Amino acid sequence: MPWELREHAGRHYAVLFHYALPDDAWSVELSEARPASTGRPEDPDAAVTHLPGAPVLAVLVPNEDPELEPTVRIFSPEGHVVPYGILRWFMEQAADQVERCRVAFEQGEPDELG
């Protein structure tokens, strides 16, 4: 499951991409990233400083029927605040995934992330 990180005003956010089998759709999830243990300096994963946390927003992108619209799910019972710049970045990532799925469907290719 690949993810991308971005820092904004001292906080870290993650966009995680994975296939949500129960929904038959790609899921693009936004979360506030949590610090990761960097381990030993000789550890090749030591460069990973943050990992995705629990999702706050998720866009589900159906990949088998281009007529189905992507949907947005909100998982924020604590009332998370998402800065505008982070929300834009997340929606750009989601829009890119929608485009990839639609192109793959039109070309008859198996679905692949990016």
PDB file of N, CA and C in Angstrom:
ATOM      1  N   MET A   1       0.830  -1.171   0.000  1.00  0.00           N
ATOM      2  CA  MET A   1       0.000   0.000   0.000  1.00  0.00           C
ATOM      3  C   MET A   1       0.880   1.242   0.000  1.00  0.00           C
ATOM      4  N   PRO A   2       1.014   1.892  -1.106  1.00  0.00           N
ATOM      5  CA  PRO A   2       1.845   3.095  -1.140  1.00  0.00           C
ATOM      6  C   PRO A   2       1.146   4.281  -0.475  1.00  0.00           C
ATOM      7  N   TRP A   3       1.967   5.199   0.007  1.00  0.00           N
ATOM      8  CA  TRP A   3       1.422   6.426   0.565  1.00  0.00           C
ATOM      9  C   TRP A   3       2.370   7.571   0.274  1.00  0.00           C
ATOM     10  N   GLU A   4       1.825   8.775   0.407  1.00  0.00           N
ATOM     11  CA  GLU A   4       2.612   9.988   0.255  1.00  0.00           C
ATOM     12  C   GLU A   4       2.422  10.828   1.505  1.00  0.00           C
ATOM     13  N   LEU A   5       3.478  11.534   1.888  1.00  0.00           N
ATOM     14  CA  LEU A   5       3.435  12.382   3.080  1.00  0.00           C
ATOM     15  C   LEU A   5       3.581  13.843   2.692  1.00  0.00           C
ATOM     16  N   ARG A   6       2.985  14.696   3.507  1.00  0.00           N
ATOM     17  CA  ARG A   6       3.151  16.136   3.341  1.00  0.00           C
ATOM     18  C   ARG A   6       3.087  16.780   4.713  1.00  0.00           C
ATOM     19  N   GLU A   7       3.948  17.770   4.915  1.00  0.00           N
ATOM     20  CA  GLU A   7       3.943  18.516   6.174  1.00  0.00           C
ATOM     21  C   GLU A   7       3.264  19.861   5.958  1.00  0.00           C
ATOM     22  N   HIS A   8       2.480  20.273   6.939  1.00  0.00           N
ATOM     23  CA  HIS A   8       1.811  21.578   6.880  1.00  0.00           C
ATOM     24  C   HIS A   8       1.728  22.142   8.293  1.00  0.00           C
ATOM     25  N   ALA A   9       2.318  23.290   8.500  1.00  0.00           N
ATOM     26  CA  ALA A   9       2.284  23.983   9.792  1.00  0.00           C
ATOM     27  C   ALA A   9       2.732  23.069  10.941  1.00  0.00           C
ATOM     28  N   GLY A  10       3.784  22.286  10.678  1.00  0.00           N
ATOM     29  CA  GLY A  10       4.337  21.425  11.721  1.00  0.00           C
ATOM     30  C   GLY A  10       3.612  20.107  11.937  1.00  0.00           C
ATOM     31  N   ARG A  11       2.557  19.849  11.188  1.00  0.00           N
ATOM     32  CA  ARG A  11       1.838  18.577  11.290  1.00  0.00           C
ATOM     33  C   ARG A  11       2.063  17.792  10.004  1.00  0.00           C
ATOM     34  N   HIS A  12       2.034  16.486  10.125  1.00  0.00           N
ATOM     35  CA  HIS A  12       2.260  15.611   8.974  1.00  0.00           C
ATOM     36  C   HIS A  12       0.944  14.932   8.586  1.00  0.00           C
ATOM     37  N   TYR A  13       0.719  14.868   7.277  1.00  0.00           N
ATOM     38  CA  TYR A  13      -0.481  14.240   6.736  1.00  0.00           C
ATOM     39  C   TYR A  13      -0.058  13.178   5.727  1.00  0.00           C
ATOM     40  N   ALA A  14      -0.896  12.165   5.583  1.00  0.00           N
ATOM     41  CA  ALA A  14      -0.595  11.079   4.647  1.00  0.00           C
ATOM     42  C   ALA A  14      -1.791  10.825   3.739  1.00  0.00           C
ATOM     43  N   VAL A  15      -1.490  10.495   2.495  1.00  0.00           N
ATOM     44  CA  VAL A  15      -2.493   9.991   1.566  1.00  0.00           C
ATOM     45  C   VAL A  15      -2.082   8.558   1.260  1.00  0.00           C
ATOM     46  N   LEU A  16      -2.968   7.627   1.565  1.00  0.00           N
ATOM     47  CA  LEU A  16      -2.726   6.193   1.397  1.00  0.00           C
ATOM     48  C   LEU A  16      -3.609   5.676   0.274  1.00  0.00           C
ATOM     49  N   PHE A  17      -3.038   4.846  -0.587  1.00  0.00           N
ATOM     50  CA  PHE A  17      -3.765   4.240  -1.712  1.00  0.00           C
ATOM     51  C   PHE A  17      -3.853   2.733  -1.480  1.00  0.00           C
ATOM     52  N   HIS A  18      -5.058   2.174  -1.577  1.00  0.00           N
ATOM     53  CA  HIS A  18      -5.196   0.720  -1.513  1.00  0.00           C
ATOM     54  C   HIS A  18      -6.502   0.302  -2.173  1.00  0.00           C
ATOM     55  N   TYR A  19      -6.585  -0.972  -2.506  1.00  0.00           N
ATOM     56  CA  TYR A  19      -7.818  -1.472  -3.107  1.00  0.00           C
ATOM     57  C   TYR A  19      -8.734  -1.950  -1.999  1.00  0.00           C
ATOM     58  N   ALA A  20      -9.955  -1.416  -1.976  1.00  0.00           N
ATOM     59  CA  ALA A  20     -10.955  -1.791  -0.971  1.00  0.00           C
ATOM     60  C   ALA A  20     -11.842  -2.869  -1.576  1.00  0.00           C
ATOM     61  N   LEU A  21     -11.493  -4.110  -1.343  1.00  0.00           N
ATOM     62  CA  LEU A  21     -12.197  -5.237  -1.955  1.00  0.00           C
ATOM     63  C   LEU A  21     -13.700  -5.241  -1.671  1.00  0.00           C
ATOM     64  N   PRO A  22     -14.139  -4.984  -0.436  1.00  0.00           N
ATOM     65  CA  PRO A  22     -15.591  -5.002  -0.198  1.00  0.00           C
ATOM     66  C   PRO A  22     -16.347  -3.961  -1.023  1.00  0.00           C
ATOM     67  N   ASP A  23     -15.683  -2.872  -1.389  1.00  0.00           N
ATOM     68  CA  ASP A  23     -16.327  -1.810  -2.162  1.00  0.00           C
ATOM     69  C   ASP A  23     -16.060  -1.928  -3.658  1.00  0.00           C
ATOM     70  N   ASP A  24     -15.220  -2.880  -4.067  1.00  0.00           N
ATOM     71  CA  ASP A  24     -14.798  -2.996  -5.471  1.00  0.00           C
ATOM     72  C   ASP A  24     -14.350  -1.644  -6.007  1.00  0.00           C
ATOM     73  N   ALA A  25     -13.457  -1.009  -5.249  1.00  0.00           N
ATOM     74  CA  ALA A  25     -13.008   0.330  -5.617  1.00  0.00           C
ATOM     75  C   ALA A  25     -11.634   0.592  -5.015  1.00  0.00           C
ATOM     76  N   TRP A  26     -10.916   1.512  -5.663  1.00  0.00           N
ATOM     77  CA  TRP A  26      -9.686   2.020  -5.064  1.00  0.00           C
ATOM     78  C   TRP A  26     -10.074   2.992  -3.967  1.00  0.00           C
ATOM     79  N   SER A  27      -9.346   2.952  -2.887  1.00  0.00           N
ATOM     80  CA  SER A  27      -9.567   3.884  -1.789  1.00  0.00           C
ATOM     81  C   SER A  27      -8.352   4.801  -1.677  1.00  0.00           C
ATOM     82  N   VAL A  28      -8.633   6.098  -1.650  1.00  0.00           N
ATOM     83  CA  VAL A  28      -7.603   7.105  -1.452  1.00  0.00           C
ATOM     84  C   VAL A  28      -7.942   7.754  -0.114  1.00  0.00           C
ATOM     85  N   GLU A  29      -7.092   7.559   0.890  1.00  0.00           N
ATOM     86  CA  GLU A  29      -7.418   7.974   2.253  1.00  0.00           C
ATOM     87  C   GLU A  29      -6.484   9.070   2.748  1.00  0.00           C
ATOM     88  N   LEU A  30      -7.063  10.047   3.413  1.00  0.00           N
ATOM     89  CA  LEU A  30      -6.287  11.109   4.052  1.00  0.00           C
ATOM     90  C   LEU A  30      -6.286  10.877   5.548  1.00  0.00           C
ATOM     91  N   SER A  31      -5.111  10.979   6.153  1.00  0.00           N
ATOM     92  CA  SER A  31      -4.999  10.856   7.603  1.00  0.00           C
ATOM     93  C   SER A  31      -3.938  11.801   8.116  1.00  0.00           C
ATOM     94  N   GLU A  32      -3.998  12.062   9.416  1.00  0.00           N
ATOM     95  CA  GLU A  32      -2.876  12.748  10.044  1.00  0.00           C
ATOM     96  C   GLU A  32      -1.854  11.663  10.328  1.00  0.00           C
ATOM     97  N   ALA A  33      -0.636  11.861   9.830  1.00  0.00           N
ATOM     98  CA  ALA A  33       0.397  10.836   9.968  1.00  0.00           C
ATOM     99  C   ALA A  33       0.899  10.799  11.404  1.00  0.00           C
ATOM    100  N   ARG A  34       1.272   9.612  11.826  1.00  0.00           N
ATOM    101  CA  ARG A  34       1.794   9.437  13.184  1.00  0.00           C
ATOM    102  C   ARG A  34       3.292   9.159  13.106  1.00  0.00           C
ATOM    103  N   PRO A  35       4.029   9.596  14.110  1.00  0.00           N
ATOM    104  CA  PRO A  35       5.480   9.342  14.093  1.00  0.00           C
ATOM    105  C   PRO A  35       5.772   7.849  14.074  1.00  0.00           C
ATOM    106  N   ALA A  36       6.810   7.499  13.345  1.00  0.00           N
ATOM    107  CA  ALA A  36       7.244   6.105  13.247  1.00  0.00           C
ATOM    108  C   ALA A  36       8.556   5.949  13.989  1.00  0.00           C
ATOM    109  N   SER A  37       8.769   4.777  14.514  1.00  0.00           N
ATOM    110  CA  SER A  37      10.052   4.476  15.128  1.00  0.00           C
ATOM    111  C   SER A  37      11.088   4.398  14.020  1.00  0.00           C
ATOM    112  N   THR A  38      12.159   5.146  14.166  1.00  0.00           N
ATOM    113  CA  THR A  38      13.171   5.137  13.117  1.00  0.00           C
ATOM    114  C   THR A  38      14.165   4.009  13.284  1.00  0.00           C
ATOM    115  N   GLY A  39      14.146   3.335  14.404  1.00  0.00           N
ATOM    116  CA  GLY A  39      15.020   2.181  14.587  1.00  0.00           C
ATOM    117  C   GLY A  39      16.494   2.553  14.599  1.00  0.00           C
ATOM    118  N   ARG A  40      17.302   1.623  14.196  1.00  0.00           N
ATOM    119  CA  ARG A  40      18.757   1.829  14.174  1.00  0.00           C
ATOM    120  C   ARG A  40      19.171   2.585  12.914  1.00  0.00           C
ATOM    121  N   PRO A  41      20.254   3.348  12.976  1.00  0.00           N
ATOM    122  CA  PRO A  41      20.711   4.091  11.796  1.00  0.00           C
ATOM    123  C   PRO A  41      21.047   3.191  10.601  1.00  0.00           C
ATOM    124  N   GLU A  42      21.491   1.959  10.860  1.00  0.00           N
ATOM    125  CA  GLU A  42      21.822   1.074   9.743  1.00  0.00           C
ATOM    126  C   GLU A  42      20.586   0.407   9.124  1.00  0.00           C
ATOM    127  N   ASP A  43      19.425   0.629   9.754  1.00  0.00           N
ATOM    128  CA  ASP A  43      18.164   0.074   9.268  1.00  0.00           C
ATOM    129  C   ASP A  43      17.744   0.804   7.986  1.00  0.00           C
ATOM    130  N   PRO A  44      17.482   0.075   6.867  1.00  0.00           N
ATOM    131  CA  PRO A  44      17.098   0.745   5.611  1.00  0.00           C
ATOM    132  C   PRO A  44      15.772   1.490   5.726  1.00  0.00           C
ATOM    133  N   ASP A  45      14.909   1.131   6.672  1.00  0.00           N
ATOM    134  CA  ASP A  45      13.637   1.818   6.841  1.00  0.00           C
ATOM    135  C   ASP A  45      13.752   3.021   7.779  1.00  0.00           C
ATOM    136  N   ALA A  46      14.952   3.349   8.216  1.00  0.00           N
ATOM    137  CA  ALA A  46      15.143   4.441   9.169  1.00  0.00           C
ATOM    138  C   ALA A  46      14.695   5.781   8.598  1.00  0.00           C
ATOM    139  N   ALA A  47      14.660   5.919   7.285  1.00  0.00           N
ATOM    140  CA  ALA A  47      14.247   7.180   6.679  1.00  0.00           C
ATOM    141  C   ALA A  47      12.747   7.432   6.839  1.00  0.00           C
ATOM    142  N   VAL A  48      11.956   6.409   7.115  1.00  0.00           N
ATOM    143  CA  VAL A  48      10.518   6.576   7.303  1.00  0.00           C
ATOM    144  C   VAL A  48      10.295   7.186   8.680  1.00  0.00           C
ATOM    145  N   THR A  49       9.836   8.430   8.691  1.00  0.00           N
ATOM    146  CA  THR A  49       9.644   9.120   9.963  1.00  0.00           C
ATOM    147  C   THR A  49       8.190   9.165  10.400  1.00  0.00           C
ATOM    148  N   HIS A  50       7.267   9.014   9.435  1.00  0.00           N
ATOM    149  CA  HIS A  50       5.837   9.052   9.750  1.00  0.00           C
ATOM    150  C   HIS A  50       5.114   7.988   8.931  1.00  0.00           C
ATOM    151  N   LEU A  51       4.054   7.465   9.514  1.00  0.00           N
ATOM    152  CA  LEU A  51       3.209   6.472   8.855  1.00  0.00           C
ATOM    153  C   LEU A  51       1.770   6.973   8.835  1.00  0.00           C
ATOM    154  N   PRO A  52       0.970   6.512   7.867  1.00  0.00           N
ATOM    155  CA  PRO A  52      -0.430   6.925   7.850  1.00  0.00           C
ATOM    156  C   PRO A  52      -1.136   6.524   9.151  1.00  0.00           C
ATOM    157  N   GLY A  53      -2.034   7.377   9.600  1.00  0.00           N
ATOM    158  CA  GLY A  53      -2.846   7.085  10.772  1.00  0.00           C
ATOM    159  C   GLY A  53      -4.238   6.642  10.347  1.00  0.00           C
ATOM    160  N   ALA A  54      -5.184   6.771  11.258  1.00  0.00           N
ATOM    161  CA  ALA A  54      -6.579   6.427  10.945  1.00  0.00           C
ATOM    162  C   ALA A  54      -7.124   7.442   9.941  1.00  0.00           C
ATOM    163  N   PRO A  55      -7.886   6.978   8.949  1.00  0.00           N
ATOM    164  CA  PRO A  55      -8.382   7.909   7.929  1.00  0.00           C
ATOM    165  C   PRO A  55      -9.357   8.930   8.501  1.00  0.00           C
ATOM    166  N   VAL A  56      -9.274  10.127   7.946  1.00  0.00           N
ATOM    167  CA  VAL A  56     -10.213  11.198   8.248  1.00  0.00           C
ATOM    168  C   VAL A  56     -11.185  11.336   7.082  1.00  0.00           C
ATOM    169  N   LEU A  57     -10.647  11.224   5.856  1.00  0.00           N
ATOM    170  CA  LEU A  57     -11.434  11.265   4.626  1.00  0.00           C
ATOM    171  C   LEU A  57     -10.993  10.114   3.733  1.00  0.00           C
ATOM    172  N   ALA A  58     -11.933   9.595   2.961  1.00  0.00           N
ATOM    173  CA  ALA A  58     -11.595   8.568   1.969  1.00  0.00           C
ATOM    174  C   ALA A  58     -12.433   8.804   0.724  1.00  0.00           C
ATOM    175  N   VAL A  59     -11.789   8.714  -0.418  1.00  0.00           N
ATOM    176  CA  VAL A  59     -12.500   8.754  -1.690  1.00  0.00           C
ATOM    177  C   VAL A  59     -12.451   7.341  -2.248  1.00  0.00           C
ATOM    178  N   LEU A  60     -13.629   6.801  -2.548  1.00  0.00           N
ATOM    179  CA  LEU A  60     -13.718   5.474  -3.161  1.00  0.00           C
ATOM    180  C   LEU A  60     -13.916   5.667  -4.653  1.00  0.00           C
ATOM    181  N   VAL A  61     -13.028   5.063  -5.432  1.00  0.00           N
ATOM    182  CA  VAL A  61     -13.022   5.221  -6.885  1.00  0.00           C
ATOM    183  C   VAL A  61     -13.370   3.872  -7.514  1.00  0.00           C
ATOM    184  N   PRO A  62     -14.627   3.709  -7.972  1.00  0.00           N
ATOM    185  CA  PRO A  62     -14.993   2.444  -8.632  1.00  0.00           C
ATOM    186  C   PRO A  62     -14.135   2.250  -9.875  1.00  0.00           C
ATOM    187  N   ASN A  63     -13.644   1.034 -10.054  1.00  0.00           N
ATOM    188  CA  ASN A  63     -12.742   0.804 -11.176  1.00  0.00           C
ATOM    189  C   ASN A  63     -13.296  -0.138 -12.230  1.00  0.00           C
ATOM    190  N   GLU A  64     -14.477  -0.695 -11.996  1.00  0.00           N
ATOM    191  CA  GLU A  64     -15.012  -1.638 -12.968  1.00  0.00           C
ATOM    192  C   GLU A  64     -16.159  -1.065 -13.786  1.00  0.00           C
ATOM    193  N   ASP A  65     -16.699   0.088 -13.385  1.00  0.00           N
ATOM    194  CA  ASP A  65     -17.796   0.712 -14.108  1.00  0.00           C
ATOM    195  C   ASP A  65     -17.571   2.220 -14.105  1.00  0.00           C
ATOM    196  N   PRO A  66     -17.164   2.784 -15.248  1.00  0.00           N
ATOM    197  CA  PRO A  66     -16.866   4.219 -15.285  1.00  0.00           C
ATOM    198  C   PRO A  66     -18.105   5.090 -15.085  1.00  0.00           C
ATOM    199  N   GLU A  67     -19.287   4.497 -15.156  1.00  0.00           N
ATOM    200  CA  GLU A  67     -20.520   5.258 -14.929  1.00  0.00           C
ATOM    201  C   GLU A  67     -20.756   5.522 -13.445  1.00  0.00           C
ATOM    202  N   LEU A  68     -20.156   4.706 -12.581  1.00  0.00           N
ATOM    203  CA  LEU A  68     -20.308   4.925 -11.144  1.00  0.00           C
ATOM    204  C   LEU A  68     -19.438   6.098 -10.719  1.00  0.00           C
ATOM    205  N   GLU A  69     -20.009   6.974  -9.928  1.00  0.00           N
ATOM    206  CA  GLU A  69     -19.285   8.156  -9.463  1.00  0.00           C
ATOM    207  C   GLU A  69     -18.434   7.825  -8.245  1.00  0.00           C
ATOM    208  N   PRO A  70     -17.271   8.430  -8.129  1.00  0.00           N
ATOM    209  CA  PRO A  70     -16.503   8.305  -6.892  1.00  0.00           C
ATOM    210  C   PRO A  70     -17.305   8.917  -5.739  1.00  0.00           C
ATOM    211  N   THR A  71     -17.089   8.405  -4.555  1.00  0.00           N
ATOM    212  CA  THR A  71     -17.785   8.918  -3.382  1.00  0.00           C
ATOM    213  C   THR A  71     -16.769   9.292  -2.311  1.00  0.00           C
ATOM    214  N   VAL A  72     -17.175  10.185  -1.421  1.00  0.00           N
ATOM    215  CA  VAL A  72     -16.317  10.631  -0.334  1.00  0.00           C
ATOM    216  C   VAL A  72     -16.934  10.161   0.977  1.00  0.00           C
ATOM    217  N   ARG A  73     -16.101   9.542   1.808  1.00  0.00           N
ATOM    218  CA  ARG A  73     -16.518   9.140   3.148  1.00  0.00           C
ATOM    219  C   ARG A  73     -15.757  10.001   4.157  1.00  0.00           C
ATOM    220  N   ILE A  74     -16.447  10.397   5.194  1.00  0.00           N
ATOM    221  CA  ILE A  74     -15.841  11.209   6.251  1.00  0.00           C
ATOM    222  C   ILE A  74     -15.814  10.381   7.525  1.00  0.00           C
ATOM    223  N   PHE A  75     -14.626  10.238   8.108  1.00  0.00           N
ATOM    224  CA  PHE A  75     -14.426   9.476   9.341  1.00  0.00           C
ATOM    225  C   PHE A  75     -13.863  10.431  10.386  1.00  0.00           C
ATOM    226  N   SER A  76     -14.662  11.313  10.917  1.00  0.00           N
ATOM    227  CA  SER A  76     -14.103  12.302  11.826  1.00  0.00           C
ATOM    228  C   SER A  76     -15.020  12.590  13.009  1.00  0.00           C
ATOM    229  N   PRO A  77     -15.239  11.599  13.858  1.00  0.00           N
ATOM    230  CA  PRO A  77     -16.116  11.862  15.005  1.00  0.00           C
ATOM    231  C   PRO A  77     -15.516  12.868  15.982  1.00  0.00           C
ATOM    232  N   GLU A  78     -14.188  13.025  15.957  1.00  0.00           N
ATOM    233  CA  GLU A  78     -13.537  13.974  16.862  1.00  0.00           C
ATOM    234  C   GLU A  78     -13.515  15.384  16.286  1.00  0.00           C
ATOM    235  N   GLY A  79     -14.048  15.582  15.109  1.00  0.00           N
ATOM    236  CA  GLY A  79     -14.066  16.906  14.499  1.00  0.00           C
ATOM    237  C   GLY A  79     -12.705  17.369  14.022  1.00  0.00           C
ATOM    238  N   HIS A  80     -11.964  16.505  13.334  1.00  0.00           N
ATOM    239  CA  HIS A  80     -10.647  16.879  12.803  1.00  0.00           C
ATOM    240  C   HIS A  80     -10.758  18.110  11.902  1.00  0.00           C
ATOM    241  N   VAL A  81      -9.765  18.937  11.964  1.00  0.00           N
ATOM    242  CA  VAL A  81      -9.665  20.085  11.085  1.00  0.00           C
ATOM    243  C   VAL A  81      -8.603  19.762  10.041  1.00  0.00           C
ATOM    244  N   VAL A  82      -8.971  19.930   8.772  1.00  0.00           N
ATOM    245  CA  VAL A  82      -8.041  19.669   7.674  1.00  0.00           C
ATOM    246  C   VAL A  82      -7.739  21.007   7.007  1.00  0.00           C
ATOM    247  N   PRO A  83      -6.483  21.434   7.006  1.00  0.00           N
ATOM    248  CA  PRO A  83      -6.138  22.697   6.343  1.00  0.00           C
ATOM    249  C   PRO A  83      -6.484  22.654   4.855  1.00  0.00           C
ATOM    250  N   TYR A  84      -6.852  23.791   4.321  1.00  0.00           N
ATOM    251  CA  TYR A  84      -7.265  23.890   2.926  1.00  0.00           C
ATOM    252  C   TYR A  84      -6.204  23.344   1.967  1.00  0.00           C
ATOM    253  N   GLY A  85      -4.948  23.700   2.182  1.00  0.00           N
ATOM    254  CA  GLY A  85      -3.873  23.233   1.297  1.00  0.00           C
ATOM    255  C   GLY A  85      -3.755  21.715   1.299  1.00  0.00           C
ATOM    256  N   ILE A  86      -3.959  21.096   2.445  1.00  0.00           N
ATOM    257  CA  ILE A  86      -3.904  19.635   2.547  1.00  0.00           C
ATOM    258  C   ILE A  86      -5.124  19.018   1.866  1.00  0.00           C
ATOM    259  N   LEU A  87      -6.285  19.630   2.041  1.00  0.00           N
ATOM    260  CA  LEU A  87      -7.489  19.120   1.383  1.00  0.00           C
ATOM    261  C   LEU A  87      -7.344  19.189  -0.139  1.00  0.00           C
ATOM    262  N   ARG A  88      -6.787  20.275  -0.634  1.00  0.00           N
ATOM    263  CA  ARG A  88      -6.559  20.389  -2.085  1.00  0.00           C
ATOM    264  C   ARG A  88      -5.605  19.324  -2.589  1.00  0.00           C
ATOM    265  N   TRP A  89      -4.502  19.127  -1.864  1.00  0.00           N
ATOM    266  CA  TRP A  89      -3.523  18.102  -2.227  1.00  0.00           C
ATOM    267  C   TRP A  89      -4.189  16.730  -2.265  1.00  0.00           C
ATOM    268  N   PHE A  90      -4.990  16.424  -1.246  1.00  0.00           N
ATOM    269  CA  PHE A  90      -5.696  15.145  -1.182  1.00  0.00           C
ATOM    270  C   PHE A  90      -6.645  14.989  -2.371  1.00  0.00           C
ATOM    271  N   MET A  91      -7.420  16.016  -2.672  1.00  0.00           N
ATOM    272  CA  MET A  91      -8.379  15.913  -3.773  1.00  0.00           C
ATOM    273  C   MET A  91      -7.675  15.800  -5.120  1.00  0.00           C
ATOM    274  N   GLU A  92      -6.496  16.412  -5.263  1.00  0.00           N
ATOM    275  CA  GLU A  92      -5.716  16.223  -6.488  1.00  0.00           C
ATOM    276  C   GLU A  92      -5.269  14.771  -6.624  1.00  0.00           C
ATOM    277  N   GLN A  93      -4.858  14.163  -5.512  1.00  0.00           N
ATOM    278  CA  GLN A  93      -4.462  12.751  -5.530  1.00  0.00           C
ATOM    279  C   GLN A  93      -5.659  11.874  -5.920  1.00  0.00           C
ATOM    280  N   ALA A  94      -6.821  12.185  -5.348  1.00  0.00           N
ATOM    281  CA  ALA A  94      -8.039  11.420  -5.662  1.00  0.00           C
ATOM    282  C   ALA A  94      -8.421  11.595  -7.132  1.00  0.00           C
ATOM    283  N   ALA A  95      -8.359  12.831  -7.645  1.00  0.00           N
ATOM    284  CA  ALA A  95      -8.700  13.085  -9.049  1.00  0.00           C
ATOM    285  C   ALA A  95      -7.756  12.330  -9.990  1.00  0.00           C
ATOM    286  N   ASP A  96      -6.480  12.276  -9.632  1.00  0.00           N
ATOM    287  CA  ASP A  96      -5.519  11.513 -10.438  1.00  0.00           C
ATOM    288  C   ASP A  96      -5.883  10.029 -10.460  1.00  0.00           C
ATOM    289  N   GLN A  97      -6.322   9.498  -9.326  1.00  0.00           N
ATOM    290  CA  GLN A  97      -6.701   8.084  -9.265  1.00  0.00           C
ATOM    291  C   GLN A  97      -7.951   7.822 -10.105  1.00  0.00           C
ATOM    292  N   VAL A  98      -8.914   8.740 -10.067  1.00  0.00           N
ATOM    293  CA  VAL A  98     -10.108   8.614 -10.909  1.00  0.00           C
ATOM    294  C   VAL A  98      -9.696   8.545 -12.375  1.00  0.00           C
ATOM    295  N   GLU A  99      -8.817   9.438 -12.780  1.00  0.00           N
ATOM    296  CA  GLU A  99      -8.368   9.467 -14.172  1.00  0.00           C
ATOM    297  C   GLU A  99      -7.655   8.174 -14.556  1.00  0.00           C
ATOM    298  N   ARG A 100      -6.768   7.678 -13.687  1.00  0.00           N
ATOM    299  CA  ARG A 100      -6.057   6.420 -13.976  1.00  0.00           C
ATOM    300  C   ARG A 100      -7.037   5.261 -14.146  1.00  0.00           C
ATOM    301  N   CYS A 101      -8.040   5.191 -13.280  1.00  0.00           N
ATOM    302  CA  CYS A 101      -9.015   4.093 -13.371  1.00  0.00           C
ATOM    303  C   CYS A 101      -9.825   4.185 -14.655  1.00  0.00           C
ATOM    304  N   ARG A 102     -10.232   5.376 -15.008  1.00  0.00           N
ATOM    305  CA  ARG A 102     -11.039   5.540 -16.226  1.00  0.00           C
ATOM    306  C   ARG A 102     -10.233   5.232 -17.481  1.00  0.00           C
ATOM    307  N   VAL A 103      -8.990   5.656 -17.518  1.00  0.00           N
ATOM    308  CA  VAL A 103      -8.131   5.356 -18.675  1.00  0.00           C
ATOM    309  C   VAL A 103      -7.900   3.853 -18.774  1.00  0.00           C
ATOM    310  N   ALA A 104      -7.605   3.212 -17.649  1.00  0.00           N
ATOM    311  CA  ALA A 104      -7.374   1.764 -17.651  1.00  0.00           C
ATOM    312  C   ALA A 104      -8.623   1.022 -18.115  1.00  0.00           C
ATOM    313  N   PHE A 105      -9.800   1.477 -17.685  1.00  0.00           N
ATOM    314  CA  PHE A 105     -11.041   0.825 -18.100  1.00  0.00           C
ATOM    315  C   PHE A 105     -11.244   0.971 -19.606  1.00  0.00           C
ATOM    316  N   GLU A 106     -11.032   2.174 -20.114  1.00  0.00           N
ATOM    317  CA  GLU A 106     -11.204   2.422 -21.544  1.00  0.00           C
ATOM    318  C   GLU A 106     -10.231   1.608 -22.388  1.00  0.00           C
ATOM    319  N   GLN A 107      -9.038   1.388 -21.875  1.00  0.00           N
ATOM    320  CA  GLN A 107      -8.017   0.648 -22.620  1.00  0.00           C
ATOM    321  C   GLN A 107      -8.115  -0.845 -22.375  1.00  0.00           C
ATOM    322  N   GLY A 108      -9.033  -1.246 -21.517  1.00  0.00           N
ATOM    323  CA  GLY A 108      -9.196  -2.667 -21.226  1.00  0.00           C
ATOM    324  C   GLY A 108      -8.024  -3.264 -20.476  1.00  0.00           C
ATOM    325  N   GLU A 109      -7.290  -2.432 -19.754  1.00  0.00           N
ATOM    326  CA  GLU A 109      -6.127  -2.908 -19.003  1.00  0.00           C
ATOM    327  C   GLU A 109      -6.535  -3.297 -17.597  1.00  0.00           C
ATOM    328  N   PRO A 110      -5.793  -4.220 -17.014  1.00  0.00           N
ATOM    329  CA  PRO A 110      -6.043  -4.526 -15.611  1.00  0.00           C
ATOM    330  C   PRO A 110      -5.751  -3.296 -14.770  1.00  0.00           C
ATOM    331  N   ASP A 111      -6.510  -3.136 -13.705  1.00  0.00           N
ATOM    332  CA  ASP A 111      -6.331  -1.973 -12.833  1.00  0.00           C
ATOM    333  C   ASP A 111      -5.001  -2.018 -12.127  1.00  0.00           C
ATOM    334  N   GLU A 112      -4.301  -0.920 -12.206  1.00  0.00           N
ATOM    335  CA  GLU A 112      -3.059  -0.773 -11.460  1.00  0.00           C
ATOM    336  C   GLU A 112      -3.028   0.628 -10.897  1.00  0.00           C
ATOM    337  N   LEU A 113      -2.386   0.767  -9.778  1.00  0.00           N
ATOM    338  CA  LEU A 113      -2.229   2.083  -9.165  1.00  0.00           C
ATOM    339  C   LEU A 113      -1.108   2.804  -9.880  1.00  0.00           C
ATOM    340  N   GLY A 114      -1.421   3.917 -10.461  1.00  0.00           N
ATOM    341  CA  GLY A 114      -0.509   4.851 -11.031  1.00  0.00           C
ATOM    342  C   GLY A 114       0.520   4.417 -11.944  1.00  0.00           C
TER     343      GLY A 114
END
